[in-house]
Amino acid sequence: QLTFEAATETDAAESARDWEKNLKRSLGRDHEDRIFPAQSGGMSRDRETHKYYIILKSPPGMRKRYLEAIEQLKELKNTEKNCRYNLSVDVNPYSIWRS
């Protein structure tokens, strides 16, 4: 799960949708159905930031490839000037159901 957090809902939504598009391009058409569309996660508990998330369902034996695609995109994010969002990556599928 990739979680995007930003001061405005627009920034959170745009960043999540950009990542969704780039992940689909990076992983290829065969994996498009395993990248679930960006969804609103509402506001943070402190009500100061908005969240959006993307869920990836990695097929057996492909976890490393998915993580490499995420890492490549994270490197690009880290070189952006005036980046308006924070990104967190959760690779534990069971933690999605805890909240």
C-alpha atoms as a PDB file:
ATOM      1  CA  GLN A   1       0.000   0.000   0.000  1.00  0.00           C
ATOM      2  CA  LEU A   2       1.266   3.447  -0.921  1.00  0.00           C
ATOM      3  CA  THR A   3      -0.114   6.330   1.123  1.00  0.00           C
ATOM      4  CA  PHE A   4       0.154   9.924  -0.082  1.00  0.00           C
ATOM      5  CA  GLU A   5      -0.281  12.710   2.450  1.00  0.00           C
ATOM      6  CA  ALA A   6      -0.495  16.410   1.565  1.00  0.00           C
ATOM      7  CA  ALA A   7      -1.781  19.715   2.905  1.00  0.00           C
ATOM      8  CA  THR A   8      -4.544  19.841   0.281  1.00  0.00           C
ATOM      9  CA  GLU A   9      -6.769  17.116  -1.080  1.00  0.00           C
ATOM     10  CA  THR A  10      -5.840  18.159  -4.624  1.00  0.00           C
ATOM     11  CA  ASP A  11      -2.117  17.624  -4.001  1.00  0.00           C
ATOM     12  CA  ALA A  12      -2.723  14.225  -2.379  1.00  0.00           C
ATOM     13  CA  ALA A  13      -5.051  13.098  -5.197  1.00  0.00           C
ATOM     14  CA  GLU A  14      -2.808  14.309  -8.024  1.00  0.00           C
ATOM     15  CA  SER A  15       0.298  12.696  -6.558  1.00  0.00           C
ATOM     16  CA  ALA A  16      -1.496   9.362  -6.048  1.00  0.00           C
ATOM     17  CA  ARG A  17      -2.896   9.397  -9.584  1.00  0.00           C
ATOM     18  CA  ASP A  18       0.493  10.299 -11.061  1.00  0.00           C
ATOM     19  CA  TRP A  19       2.102   7.402  -9.184  1.00  0.00           C
ATOM     20  CA  GLU A  20      -0.663   5.047 -10.286  1.00  0.00           C
ATOM     21  CA  LYS A  21      -0.053   5.997 -13.924  1.00  0.00           C
ATOM     22  CA  ASN A  22       3.736   5.702 -13.579  1.00  0.00           C
ATOM     23  CA  LEU A  23       3.534   2.337 -11.805  1.00  0.00           C
ATOM     24  CA  LYS A  24       1.321   0.959 -14.564  1.00  0.00           C
ATOM     25  CA  ARG A  25       3.783   2.199 -17.154  1.00  0.00           C
ATOM     26  CA  SER A  26       6.778   0.828 -15.236  1.00  0.00           C
ATOM     27  CA  LEU A  27       5.315  -2.620 -14.511  1.00  0.00           C
ATOM     28  CA  GLY A  28       3.608  -3.061 -17.875  1.00  0.00           C
ATOM     29  CA  ARG A  29       0.130  -3.858 -19.129  1.00  0.00           C
ATOM     30  CA  ASP A  30       0.174  -7.357 -17.661  1.00  0.00           C
ATOM     31  CA  HIS A  31       0.109  -5.827 -14.176  1.00  0.00           C
ATOM     32  CA  GLU A  32      -2.433  -3.028 -14.621  1.00  0.00           C
ATOM     33  CA  ASP A  33      -5.192  -5.046 -12.942  1.00  0.00           C
ATOM     34  CA  ARG A  34      -2.988  -5.484  -9.869  1.00  0.00           C
ATOM     35  CA  ILE A  35      -2.669  -1.749  -9.261  1.00  0.00           C
ATOM     36  CA  PHE A  36      -5.904  -0.605  -7.681  1.00  0.00           C
ATOM     37  CA  PRO A  37      -7.054   2.957  -8.449  1.00  0.00           C
ATOM     38  CA  ALA A  38      -6.122   5.778  -6.102  1.00  0.00           C
ATOM     39  CA  GLN A  39      -8.688   6.220  -3.337  1.00  0.00           C
ATOM     40  CA  SER A  40      -9.294   8.926  -0.784  1.00  0.00           C
ATOM     41  CA  GLY A  41      -8.153   8.068   2.706  1.00  0.00           C
ATOM     42  CA  GLY A  42      -9.820  11.124   4.204  1.00  0.00           C
ATOM     43  CA  MET A  43      -8.066  13.499   6.530  1.00  0.00           C
ATOM     44  CA  SER A  44      -5.384  12.656   9.050  1.00  0.00           C
ATOM     45  CA  ARG A  45      -6.307  12.407  12.723  1.00  0.00           C
ATOM     46  CA  ASP A  46      -4.957  15.865  13.400  1.00  0.00           C
ATOM     47  CA  ARG A  47      -7.116  17.186  10.506  1.00  0.00           C
ATOM     48  CA  GLU A  48      -4.156  19.000   8.987  1.00  0.00           C
ATOM     49  CA  THR A  49      -3.428  16.748   6.014  1.00  0.00           C
ATOM     50  CA  HIS A  50      -5.344  14.776   3.395  1.00  0.00           C
ATOM     51  CA  LYS A  51      -4.534  11.201   2.435  1.00  0.00           C
ATOM     52  CA  TYR A  52      -4.894   9.110  -0.710  1.00  0.00           C
ATOM     53  CA  TYR A  53      -3.703   5.559  -1.154  1.00  0.00           C
ATOM     54  CA  ILE A  54      -2.977   2.962  -3.821  1.00  0.00           C
ATOM     55  CA  ILE A  55      -3.043  -0.758  -3.142  1.00  0.00           C
ATOM     56  CA  LEU A  56      -0.780  -3.058  -5.145  1.00  0.00           C
ATOM     57  CA  LYS A  57      -1.422  -6.767  -5.289  1.00  0.00           C
ATOM     58  CA  SER A  58       1.861  -8.392  -6.154  1.00  0.00           C
ATOM     59  CA  PRO A  59       1.603 -11.816  -7.784  1.00  0.00           C
ATOM     60  CA  PRO A  60       3.650 -14.647  -6.282  1.00  0.00           C
ATOM     61  CA  GLY A  61       7.340 -14.276  -7.102  1.00  0.00           C
ATOM     62  CA  MET A  62       7.015 -10.636  -8.253  1.00  0.00           C
ATOM     63  CA  ARG A  63       7.401  -8.786  -4.946  1.00  0.00           C
ATOM     64  CA  LYS A  64      10.980  -7.795  -5.698  1.00  0.00           C
ATOM     65  CA  ARG A  65      10.033  -6.335  -9.097  1.00  0.00           C
ATOM     66  CA  TYR A  66       7.207  -4.320  -7.553  1.00  0.00           C
ATOM     67  CA  LEU A  67       9.485  -2.975  -4.827  1.00  0.00           C
ATOM     68  CA  GLU A  68      12.115  -2.035  -7.423  1.00  0.00           C
ATOM     69  CA  ALA A  69       9.509  -0.085  -9.412  1.00  0.00           C
ATOM     70  CA  ILE A  70       8.469   1.744  -6.247  1.00  0.00           C
ATOM     71  CA  GLU A  71      12.088   2.513  -5.353  1.00  0.00           C
ATOM     72  CA  GLN A  72      12.768   3.946  -8.812  1.00  0.00           C
ATOM     73  CA  LEU A  73       9.782   6.266  -8.492  1.00  0.00           C
ATOM     74  CA  LYS A  74      10.794   7.225  -4.952  1.00  0.00           C
ATOM     75  CA  GLU A  75      14.208   8.301  -6.244  1.00  0.00           C
ATOM     76  CA  LEU A  76      12.496  10.578  -8.767  1.00  0.00           C
ATOM     77  CA  LYS A  77      10.270  11.986  -6.013  1.00  0.00           C
ATOM     78  CA  ASN A  78      13.292  12.762  -3.872  1.00  0.00           C
ATOM     79  CA  THR A  79      14.766  14.911  -6.650  1.00  0.00           C
ATOM     80  CA  GLU A  80      11.563  16.958  -7.129  1.00  0.00           C
ATOM     81  CA  LYS A  81      11.753  20.573  -6.105  1.00  0.00           C
ATOM     82  CA  ASN A  82       8.867  21.797  -3.976  1.00  0.00           C
ATOM     83  CA  CYS A  83       7.411  18.325  -3.531  1.00  0.00           C
ATOM     84  CA  ARG A  84       3.956  18.827  -2.013  1.00  0.00           C
ATOM     85  CA  TYR A  85       3.327  15.360  -0.591  1.00  0.00           C
ATOM     86  CA  ASN A  86       4.783  12.738   1.697  1.00  0.00           C
ATOM     87  CA  LEU A  87       4.812   9.089   0.745  1.00  0.00           C
ATOM     88  CA  SER A  88       4.770   6.036   2.967  1.00  0.00           C
ATOM     89  CA  VAL A  89       5.045   2.453   1.750  1.00  0.00           C
ATOM     90  CA  ASP A  90       3.605  -0.466   3.696  1.00  0.00           C
ATOM     91  CA  VAL A  91       4.645  -3.863   2.365  1.00  0.00           C
ATOM     92  CA  ASN A  92       2.733  -5.841   4.975  1.00  0.00           C
ATOM     93  CA  PRO A  93      -0.643  -6.766   3.472  1.00  0.00           C
ATOM     94  CA  TYR A  94      -2.162  -7.629   6.844  1.00  0.00           C
ATOM     95  CA  SER A  95      -1.681  -4.139   8.247  1.00  0.00           C
ATOM     96  CA  ILE A  96      -4.288  -2.801   5.791  1.00  0.00           C
ATOM     97  CA  TRP A  97      -7.028  -4.491   7.782  1.00  0.00           C
ATOM     98  CA  ARG A  98      -5.903  -3.259  11.220  1.00  0.00           C
ATOM     99  CA  SER A  99      -7.259   0.280  10.903  1.00  0.00           C
END
